[in-house]
Amino acid sequence: MNIIDEHYLNCKNKTDSTCKGFVFSLDLAIAFIAMLLMLSLMLSQLEILKNKEIENIERIELQRSAFFAIDSMIKNRDEERPLLGFALYDAEKHRVLSNEIDAILLKNTKPVLFENFFISSISVAKIEKVFEKPGKKCISVDRLVFVNRKKEILEVVVCEK
């Protein structure tokens, strides 16, 4: 017989305070272990939620960058760096026509370095420009534009550096 069994037999019919203390401390130890298990499960769930939230924030930031880039492309004109803007220029009105693309300027686009992202490819109508292979996290943004007075869809693929 071990010590626990002997102690249990001695305390079975007695109202000794040491007998109650032994049972109480054993219950307390089991409850403490269960509490630690629950606490560790809660902490692991919080870490999973934190990682998902970080991924969502990074995706939203990439989406924001993609929308700003495509908006700049169709509303601005830059002859030196056409990737920053290839909107059609109306000499008669002396202004850039938003959402109308200059196909010649689009064909002459070259890659431009951005801080947190890069443009992997651009395609509209039958013009497709591929600058780099897609990265791990990429997003495709579409906009409706006019090319030679026809409605077309401009697709830009933006990837995270």
C-alpha atoms as a PDB file:
ATOM      1  CA  MET A   1       0.000   0.000   0.000  1.00  0.00           C
ATOM      2  CA  ASN A   2       1.231   3.438  -0.764  1.00  0.00           C
ATOM      3  CA  ILE A   3       0.997   6.579   1.374  1.00  0.00           C
ATOM      4  CA  ILE A   4      -2.113   7.969  -0.345  1.00  0.00           C
ATOM      5  CA  ASP A   5      -4.091   4.736   0.202  1.00  0.00           C
ATOM      6  CA  GLU A   6      -3.061   4.568   3.856  1.00  0.00           C
ATOM      7  CA  HIS A   7      -3.986   8.189   4.385  1.00  0.00           C
ATOM      8  CA  TYR A   8      -7.355   7.590   2.694  1.00  0.00           C
ATOM      9  CA  LEU A   9      -8.104   4.560   4.895  1.00  0.00           C
ATOM     10  CA  ASN A  10      -7.144   6.440   8.050  1.00  0.00           C
ATOM     11  CA  CYS A  11      -9.285   9.457   7.067  1.00  0.00           C
ATOM     12  CA  LYS A  12     -12.341   7.522   5.860  1.00  0.00           C
ATOM     13  CA  ASN A  13     -14.450   7.804   8.976  1.00  0.00           C
ATOM     14  CA  LYS A  14     -12.716  10.643  10.780  1.00  0.00           C
ATOM     15  CA  THR A  15     -13.401  14.347  10.661  1.00  0.00           C
ATOM     16  CA  ASP A  16      -9.762  15.273  10.999  1.00  0.00           C
ATOM     17  CA  SER A  17      -8.765  18.602   9.448  1.00  0.00           C
ATOM     18  CA  THR A  18      -5.711  17.064   7.709  1.00  0.00           C
ATOM     19  CA  CYS A  19      -7.981  14.613   5.853  1.00  0.00           C
ATOM     20  CA  LYS A  20     -10.123  17.439   4.515  1.00  0.00           C
ATOM     21  CA  GLY A  21      -7.037  19.418   3.550  1.00  0.00           C
ATOM     22  CA  PHE A  22      -5.614  16.545   1.517  1.00  0.00           C
ATOM     23  CA  VAL A  23      -8.798  16.139  -0.550  1.00  0.00           C
ATOM     24  CA  PHE A  24      -9.152  19.904  -0.933  1.00  0.00           C
ATOM     25  CA  SER A  25      -5.551  20.324  -2.163  1.00  0.00           C
ATOM     26  CA  LEU A  26      -6.009  17.493  -4.685  1.00  0.00           C
ATOM     27  CA  ASP A  27      -9.192  19.155  -6.024  1.00  0.00           C
ATOM     28  CA  LEU A  28      -7.387  22.457  -6.175  1.00  0.00           C
ATOM     29  CA  ALA A  29      -4.519  20.949  -8.163  1.00  0.00           C
ATOM     30  CA  ILE A  30      -6.907  19.397 -10.701  1.00  0.00           C
ATOM     31  CA  ALA A  31      -8.812  22.690 -11.047  1.00  0.00           C
ATOM     32  CA  PHE A  32      -5.542  24.603 -11.469  1.00  0.00           C
ATOM     33  CA  ILE A  33      -4.389  22.240 -14.237  1.00  0.00           C
ATOM     34  CA  ALA A  34      -7.740  22.612 -16.013  1.00  0.00           C
ATOM     35  CA  MET A  35      -7.484  26.407 -15.717  1.00  0.00           C
ATOM     36  CA  LEU A  36      -3.962  26.397 -17.163  1.00  0.00           C
ATOM     37  CA  LEU A  37      -5.135  24.229 -20.055  1.00  0.00           C
ATOM     38  CA  MET A  38      -7.991  26.642 -20.821  1.00  0.00           C
ATOM     39  CA  LEU A  39      -5.643  29.631 -20.568  1.00  0.00           C
ATOM     40  CA  SER A  40      -3.172  28.059 -23.018  1.00  0.00           C
ATOM     41  CA  LEU A  41      -6.013  27.301 -25.468  1.00  0.00           C
ATOM     42  CA  MET A  42      -7.219  30.901 -25.237  1.00  0.00           C
ATOM     43  CA  LEU A  43      -3.726  32.271 -25.856  1.00  0.00           C
ATOM     44  CA  SER A  44      -3.178  30.033 -28.879  1.00  0.00           C
ATOM     45  CA  GLN A  45      -6.554  31.155 -30.314  1.00  0.00           C
ATOM     46  CA  LEU A  46      -5.591  34.806 -29.773  1.00  0.00           C
ATOM     47  CA  GLU A  47      -2.320  34.253 -31.645  1.00  0.00           C
ATOM     48  CA  ILE A  48      -4.182  32.681 -34.578  1.00  0.00           C
ATOM     49  CA  LEU A  49      -6.587  35.636 -34.669  1.00  0.00           C
ATOM     50  CA  LYS A  50      -3.671  38.093 -34.518  1.00  0.00           C
ATOM     51  CA  ASN A  51      -1.948  36.420 -37.485  1.00  0.00           C
ATOM     52  CA  LYS A  52      -5.163  36.490 -39.525  1.00  0.00           C
ATOM     53  CA  GLU A  53      -5.641  40.164 -38.720  1.00  0.00           C
ATOM     54  CA  ILE A  54      -2.091  40.971 -39.835  1.00  0.00           C
ATOM     55  CA  GLU A  55      -2.679  39.134 -43.136  1.00  0.00           C
ATOM     56  CA  ASN A  56      -5.945  41.040 -43.656  1.00  0.00           C
ATOM     57  CA  ILE A  57      -4.249  44.387 -43.026  1.00  0.00           C
ATOM     58  CA  GLU A  58      -1.467  43.540 -45.506  1.00  0.00           C
ATOM     59  CA  ARG A  59      -4.050  42.497 -48.123  1.00  0.00           C
ATOM     60  CA  ILE A  60      -6.052  45.685 -47.612  1.00  0.00           C
ATOM     61  CA  GLU A  61      -2.888  47.775 -47.953  1.00  0.00           C
ATOM     62  CA  LEU A  62      -2.016  46.001 -51.205  1.00  0.00           C
ATOM     63  CA  GLN A  63      -5.567  46.577 -52.494  1.00  0.00           C
ATOM     64  CA  ARG A  64      -5.303  50.255 -51.631  1.00  0.00           C
ATOM     65  CA  SER A  65      -1.985  50.544 -53.469  1.00  0.00           C
ATOM     66  CA  ALA A  66      -3.436  48.731 -56.489  1.00  0.00           C
ATOM     67  CA  PHE A  67      -6.476  51.017 -56.645  1.00  0.00           C
ATOM     68  CA  PHE A  68      -4.306  54.135 -56.349  1.00  0.00           C
ATOM     69  CA  ALA A  69      -1.956  52.869 -59.077  1.00  0.00           C
ATOM     70  CA  ILE A  70      -4.710  52.038 -61.573  1.00  0.00           C
ATOM     71  CA  ASP A  71      -6.478  55.317 -60.785  1.00  0.00           C
ATOM     72  CA  SER A  72      -3.275  57.217 -61.493  1.00  0.00           C
ATOM     73  CA  MET A  73      -2.780  55.350 -64.761  1.00  0.00           C
ATOM     74  CA  ILE A  74      -6.148  56.286 -66.218  1.00  0.00           C
ATOM     75  CA  LYS A  75      -6.413  59.850 -64.897  1.00  0.00           C
ATOM     76  CA  ASN A  76      -2.879  61.166 -65.448  1.00  0.00           C
ATOM     77  CA  ARG A  77      -0.424  61.396 -68.299  1.00  0.00           C
ATOM     78  CA  ASP A  78       3.329  61.028 -67.986  1.00  0.00           C
ATOM     79  CA  GLU A  79       5.270  60.894 -71.248  1.00  0.00           C
ATOM     80  CA  GLU A  80       8.565  59.932 -69.579  1.00  0.00           C
ATOM     81  CA  ARG A  81       7.152  57.201 -67.325  1.00  0.00           C
ATOM     82  CA  PRO A  82       3.892  56.090 -68.945  1.00  0.00           C
ATOM     83  CA  LEU A  83       3.200  53.505 -66.230  1.00  0.00           C
ATOM     84  CA  LEU A  84       2.361  56.410 -63.918  1.00  0.00           C
ATOM     85  CA  GLY A  85      -0.233  57.715 -66.345  1.00  0.00           C
ATOM     86  CA  PHE A  86      -1.236  56.928 -69.920  1.00  0.00           C
ATOM     87  CA  ALA A  87      -4.491  58.847 -70.234  1.00  0.00           C
ATOM     88  CA  LEU A  88      -5.314  60.422 -73.599  1.00  0.00           C
ATOM     89  CA  TYR A  89      -4.486  64.116 -74.018  1.00  0.00           C
ATOM     90  CA  ASP A  90      -7.038  66.295 -75.802  1.00  0.00           C
ATOM     91  CA  ALA A  91      -5.104  69.141 -77.461  1.00  0.00           C
ATOM     92  CA  GLU A  92      -8.293  70.967 -78.355  1.00  0.00           C
ATOM     93  CA  LYS A  93      -9.474  71.146 -74.737  1.00  0.00           C
ATOM     94  CA  HIS A  94      -5.907  71.384 -73.333  1.00  0.00           C
ATOM     95  CA  ARG A  95      -6.544  68.670 -70.759  1.00  0.00           C
ATOM     96  CA  VAL A  96      -6.198  64.979 -70.057  1.00  0.00           C
ATOM     97  CA  LEU A  97      -9.303  62.881 -70.666  1.00  0.00           C
ATOM     98  CA  SER A  98      -9.940  60.649 -67.677  1.00  0.00           C
ATOM     99  CA  ASN A  99     -10.698  56.991 -68.348  1.00  0.00           C
ATOM    100  CA  GLU A 100      -9.549  57.280 -71.978  1.00  0.00           C
ATOM    101  CA  ILE A 101      -6.275  55.515 -72.673  1.00  0.00           C
ATOM    102  CA  ASP A 102      -3.613  56.399 -75.190  1.00  0.00           C
ATOM    103  CA  ALA A 103      -2.824  52.954 -76.686  1.00  0.00           C
ATOM    104  CA  ILE A 104       0.547  54.108 -78.069  1.00  0.00           C
ATOM    105  CA  LEU A 105       1.657  55.374 -74.679  1.00  0.00           C
ATOM    106  CA  LEU A 106       0.461  52.126 -73.072  1.00  0.00           C
ATOM    107  CA  LYS A 107       2.590  50.064 -75.467  1.00  0.00           C
ATOM    108  CA  ASN A 108       5.656  52.099 -74.456  1.00  0.00           C
ATOM    109  CA  THR A 109       5.288  51.502 -70.725  1.00  0.00           C
ATOM    110  CA  LYS A 110       8.298  50.347 -68.750  1.00  0.00           C
ATOM    111  CA  PRO A 111       8.485  49.139 -65.150  1.00  0.00           C
ATOM    112  CA  VAL A 112       8.609  51.742 -62.386  1.00  0.00           C
ATOM    113  CA  LEU A 113       9.919  51.099 -58.877  1.00  0.00           C
ATOM    114  CA  PHE A 114       7.472  51.635 -56.048  1.00  0.00           C
ATOM    115  CA  GLU A 115       8.159  51.406 -52.337  1.00  0.00           C
ATOM    116  CA  ASN A 116       5.993  48.452 -51.218  1.00  0.00           C
ATOM    117  CA  PHE A 117       4.702  46.878 -54.425  1.00  0.00           C
ATOM    118  CA  PHE A 118       5.395  46.334 -58.096  1.00  0.00           C
ATOM    119  CA  ILE A 119       3.170  46.109 -61.134  1.00  0.00           C
ATOM    120  CA  SER A 120       3.483  42.660 -62.615  1.00  0.00           C
ATOM    121  CA  SER A 121       1.370  43.069 -65.741  1.00  0.00           C
ATOM    122  CA  ILE A 122      -1.104  45.301 -67.566  1.00  0.00           C
ATOM    123  CA  SER A 123      -3.604  44.195 -70.167  1.00  0.00           C
ATOM    124  CA  VAL A 124      -6.339  45.973 -72.079  1.00  0.00           C
ATOM    125  CA  ALA A 125      -8.039  44.982 -75.335  1.00  0.00           C
ATOM    126  CA  LYS A 126      -5.301  43.145 -77.264  1.00  0.00           C
ATOM    127  CA  ILE A 127      -2.398  44.935 -75.591  1.00  0.00           C
ATOM    128  CA  GLU A 128      -0.652  43.011 -72.851  1.00  0.00           C
ATOM    129  CA  LYS A 129       2.490  44.088 -71.058  1.00  0.00           C
ATOM    130  CA  VAL A 130       4.196  41.707 -68.618  1.00  0.00           C
ATOM    131  CA  PHE A 131       6.921  43.320 -66.561  1.00  0.00           C
ATOM    132  CA  GLU A 132       7.764  40.728 -63.931  1.00  0.00           C
ATOM    133  CA  LYS A 133       6.631  37.309 -62.851  1.00  0.00           C
ATOM    134  CA  PRO A 134       3.919  37.427 -60.185  1.00  0.00           C
ATOM    135  CA  GLY A 135       5.101  37.392 -56.584  1.00  0.00           C
ATOM    136  CA  LYS A 136       3.594  35.500 -53.670  1.00  0.00           C
ATOM    137  CA  LYS A 137       0.860  37.984 -52.811  1.00  0.00           C
ATOM    138  CA  CYS A 138      -0.735  39.511 -55.894  1.00  0.00           C
ATOM    139  CA  ILE A 139      -3.992  41.272 -56.591  1.00  0.00           C
ATOM    140  CA  SER A 140      -5.750  41.939 -59.871  1.00  0.00           C
ATOM    141  CA  VAL A 141      -7.689  45.174 -60.322  1.00  0.00           C
ATOM    142  CA  ASP A 142     -10.043  45.851 -63.230  1.00  0.00           C
ATOM    143  CA  ARG A 143     -11.337  49.199 -64.487  1.00  0.00           C
ATOM    144  CA  LEU A 144     -13.603  50.097 -67.351  1.00  0.00           C
ATOM    145  CA  VAL A 145     -11.813  52.444 -69.790  1.00  0.00           C
ATOM    146  CA  PHE A 146     -12.106  53.733 -73.338  1.00  0.00           C
ATOM    147  CA  VAL A 147      -9.547  52.720 -75.960  1.00  0.00           C
ATOM    148  CA  ASN A 148     -10.079  54.233 -79.419  1.00  0.00           C
ATOM    149  CA  ARG A 149     -13.648  55.157 -78.405  1.00  0.00           C
ATOM    150  CA  LYS A 150     -14.469  51.550 -77.407  1.00  0.00           C
ATOM    151  CA  LYS A 151     -15.185  50.326 -73.901  1.00  0.00           C
ATOM    152  CA  GLU A 152     -12.558  47.901 -72.701  1.00  0.00           C
ATOM    153  CA  ILE A 153     -11.469  46.459 -69.382  1.00  0.00           C
ATOM    154  CA  LEU A 154      -8.053  47.456 -68.096  1.00  0.00           C
ATOM    155  CA  GLU A 155      -6.551  44.771 -65.866  1.00  0.00           C
ATOM    156  CA  VAL A 156      -3.546  45.517 -63.676  1.00  0.00           C
ATOM    157  CA  VAL A 157      -1.814  42.882 -61.545  1.00  0.00           C
ATOM    158  CA  VAL A 158      -0.069  44.346 -58.497  1.00  0.00           C
ATOM    159  CA  CYS A 159       2.203  42.237 -56.308  1.00  0.00           C
ATOM    160  CA  GLU A 160       3.766  42.814 -52.905  1.00  0.00           C
ATOM    161  CA  LYS A 161       7.557  43.169 -52.758  1.00  0.00           C
END
